[in-house]
């Protein structure tokens, strides 16, 4: 199982779509407060469709609380950002690793990126692009994790 972490997500439809992705790849979804919506909002559940009740979800009160719970000796944490040149497909994502994604408008906190610069990853884009939709970004990187671990991925 991989872990998908959304730090301060703002758009309920993106979170619903990401929840759907997580169910389909047997990943756990972690949401870090503050959230820009209520989890009970119909937009979240509509985007998640009938998958939402199958989602393994954990909501954290703070980023510090989540980070303190991760055994960094056993599990890597990767931080998706446009502020690095290290492509997501150049790192080895193992079962149990954490994939961090920031809010739609701000991305991940700069202090978090600075403290973890060696594990920052990006999705390459053309010169006219600035960023991708959050749920698209999660899908790209999460399915790369599946590709790398296909032998252990249970279908």
Protein backbone atom coordinates (compact mmCIF):
# COMPACT_ATOMS: atom_id res chain seq x y z
CA UNK A 1 0.00 0.00 0.00
CA UNK A 2 1.18 3.50 -0.75
CA UNK A 3 0.02 6.58 1.08
CA UNK A 4 -1.31 9.66 -0.71
CA UNK A 5 -1.16 12.82 1.38
CA UNK A 6 -3.07 15.99 0.55
CA UNK A 7 -1.79 18.94 2.57
CA UNK A 8 -4.43 21.64 2.97
CA UNK A 9 -6.64 20.62 0.01
CA UNK A 10 -9.10 23.29 -1.11
CA UNK A 11 -11.36 21.84 -3.81
CA UNK A 12 -13.79 19.09 -2.80
CA UNK A 13 -14.11 17.63 -6.30
CA UNK A 14 -10.34 17.08 -6.52
CA UNK A 15 -10.33 15.30 -3.17
CA UNK A 16 -13.26 13.14 -4.28
CA UNK A 17 -11.45 12.20 -7.49
CA UNK A 18 -8.27 11.43 -5.55
CA UNK A 19 -10.23 9.28 -3.13
CA UNK A 20 -11.52 7.31 -6.11
CA UNK A 21 -7.95 6.85 -7.38
CA UNK A 22 -6.85 5.66 -3.93
CA UNK A 23 -9.60 3.04 -3.76
CA UNK A 24 -8.65 1.74 -7.18
CA UNK A 25 -4.95 1.39 -6.33
CA UNK A 26 -5.41 0.22 -2.73
CA UNK A 27 -3.78 3.38 -1.35
CA UNK A 28 -4.55 5.13 1.91
CA UNK A 29 -5.57 8.79 1.65
CA UNK A 30 -4.36 11.23 4.30
CA UNK A 31 -5.89 14.70 4.51
CA UNK A 32 -4.10 17.39 6.51
CA UNK A 33 -6.18 20.18 8.04
CA UNK A 34 -7.17 22.84 7.48
CA UNK A 35 -9.37 21.61 4.64
CA UNK A 36 -11.05 24.08 2.31
CA UNK A 37 -14.33 22.13 2.59
CA UNK A 38 -16.23 19.72 4.78
CA UNK A 39 -15.63 16.05 4.01
CA UNK A 40 -19.38 15.55 4.12
CA UNK A 41 -19.94 18.00 1.26
CA UNK A 42 -21.87 16.48 -1.60
CA UNK A 43 -19.18 17.55 -4.11
CA UNK A 44 -16.61 15.30 -2.44
CA UNK A 45 -18.88 12.29 -2.40
CA UNK A 46 -20.23 12.97 -5.90
CA UNK A 47 -16.70 13.01 -7.32
CA UNK A 48 -15.84 9.89 -5.31
CA UNK A 49 -19.05 8.19 -6.48
CA UNK A 50 -19.77 4.86 -4.84
CA UNK A 51 -16.07 4.45 -4.01
CA UNK A 52 -16.07 6.85 -1.06
CA UNK A 53 -17.31 4.31 1.49
CA UNK A 54 -14.48 1.93 0.46
CA UNK A 55 -11.77 4.57 0.96
CA UNK A 56 -9.19 4.13 3.71
CA UNK A 57 -9.07 7.72 4.95
CA UNK A 58 -7.23 9.43 7.78
CA UNK A 59 -7.69 13.12 8.59
CA UNK A 60 -4.83 14.77 10.47
CA UNK A 61 -5.14 17.86 12.64
CA UNK A 62 -1.71 19.12 11.55
CA UNK A 63 1.16 18.40 9.20
CA UNK A 64 3.49 18.01 12.18
CA UNK A 65 1.26 15.28 13.64
CA UNK A 66 1.33 13.32 10.39
CA UNK A 67 5.08 13.71 9.89
CA UNK A 68 5.76 12.56 13.46
CA UNK A 69 3.77 9.37 12.81
CA UNK A 70 5.87 8.25 9.82
CA UNK A 71 8.76 5.85 10.40
CA UNK A 72 11.28 7.50 8.06
CA UNK A 73 13.67 4.55 8.53
CA UNK A 74 11.17 2.27 6.77
CA UNK A 75 9.20 4.59 4.49
CA UNK A 76 10.28 7.30 2.09
CA UNK A 77 8.34 10.50 1.67
CA UNK A 78 8.20 12.16 -1.74
CA UNK A 79 7.02 15.74 -2.17
CA UNK A 80 5.41 16.78 -5.46
CA UNK A 81 6.29 20.29 -6.53
CA UNK A 82 7.06 22.40 -9.59
CA UNK A 83 10.11 23.74 -7.71
CA UNK A 84 12.53 20.90 -8.48
CA UNK A 85 14.14 19.31 -11.53
CA UNK A 86 13.96 15.72 -10.20
CA UNK A 87 11.35 13.89 -12.29
CA UNK A 88 8.91 11.59 -10.49
CA UNK A 89 9.96 8.60 -12.61
CA UNK A 90 13.59 8.91 -11.53
CA UNK A 91 12.89 7.86 -7.93
CA UNK A 92 12.06 4.40 -6.59
CA UNK A 93 8.69 4.40 -4.83
CA UNK A 94 8.23 1.38 -2.56
CA UNK A 95 5.22 -0.13 -0.87
CA UNK A 96 4.50 1.91 2.25
CA UNK A 97 6.00 5.15 0.92
CA UNK A 98 4.19 8.49 1.19
CA UNK A 99 3.39 10.79 -1.73
CA UNK A 100 2.75 14.38 -0.59
CA UNK A 101 0.77 16.91 -2.62
CA UNK A 102 -0.01 20.50 -1.69
CA UNK A 103 -3.08 22.67 -1.97
CA UNK A 104 -4.38 23.67 -5.37
CA UNK A 105 -3.46 27.35 -4.99
CA UNK A 106 -0.23 27.23 -2.96
CA UNK A 107 1.35 23.79 -3.29
CA UNK A 108 3.34 22.36 -0.40
CA UNK A 109 4.77 24.68 2.28
CA UNK A 110 8.21 25.98 1.33
CA UNK A 111 9.72 24.94 4.70
CA UNK A 112 8.62 21.35 4.06
CA UNK A 113 10.16 21.39 0.57
CA UNK A 114 13.41 22.93 1.83
CA UNK A 115 13.72 20.35 4.62
CA UNK A 116 13.15 17.51 2.14
CA UNK A 117 14.77 18.82 -1.04
CA UNK A 118 16.38 15.47 -1.93
CA UNK A 119 12.92 13.86 -2.06
CA UNK A 120 11.14 16.56 -4.03
CA UNK A 121 9.75 15.32 -7.35
CA UNK A 122 8.06 16.94 -10.31
CA UNK A 123 6.03 16.05 -13.37
CA UNK A 124 7.72 17.41 -16.51
CA UNK A 125 5.69 19.97 -18.45
CA UNK A 126 6.14 21.99 -21.60
CA UNK A 127 7.25 25.61 -21.49
CA UNK A 128 3.68 26.91 -21.72
CA UNK A 129 2.42 24.98 -18.69
CA UNK A 130 2.51 26.20 -15.12
CA UNK A 131 0.96 23.26 -13.27
CA UNK A 132 -1.47 20.37 -13.60
CA UNK A 133 -4.75 19.74 -11.83
CA UNK A 134 -4.16 18.17 -8.41
CA UNK A 135 -6.12 14.99 -9.11
CA UNK A 136 -4.31 14.54 -12.44
CA UNK A 137 -0.95 14.95 -10.69
CA UNK A 138 -1.87 12.40 -8.03
CA UNK A 139 -2.99 9.97 -10.74
CA UNK A 140 0.24 10.29 -12.71
CA UNK A 141 2.57 9.76 -9.75
CA UNK A 142 0.41 7.15 -7.99
CA UNK A 143 0.20 5.01 -11.11
CA UNK A 144 3.97 5.27 -11.51
CA UNK A 145 4.18 3.78 -8.01
CA UNK A 146 1.90 0.96 -9.17
CA UNK A 147 4.03 0.42 -12.29
CA UNK A 148 7.16 0.16 -10.16
CA UNK A 149 5.49 -2.28 -7.75
CA UNK A 150 3.29 -4.25 -10.14
CA UNK A 151 4.59 -7.57 -8.84
CA UNK A 152 3.18 -6.83 -5.37
CA UNK A 153 0.05 -5.01 -6.51
CA UNK A 154 -2.97 -7.18 -5.81
CA UNK A 155 -5.78 -7.11 -8.36
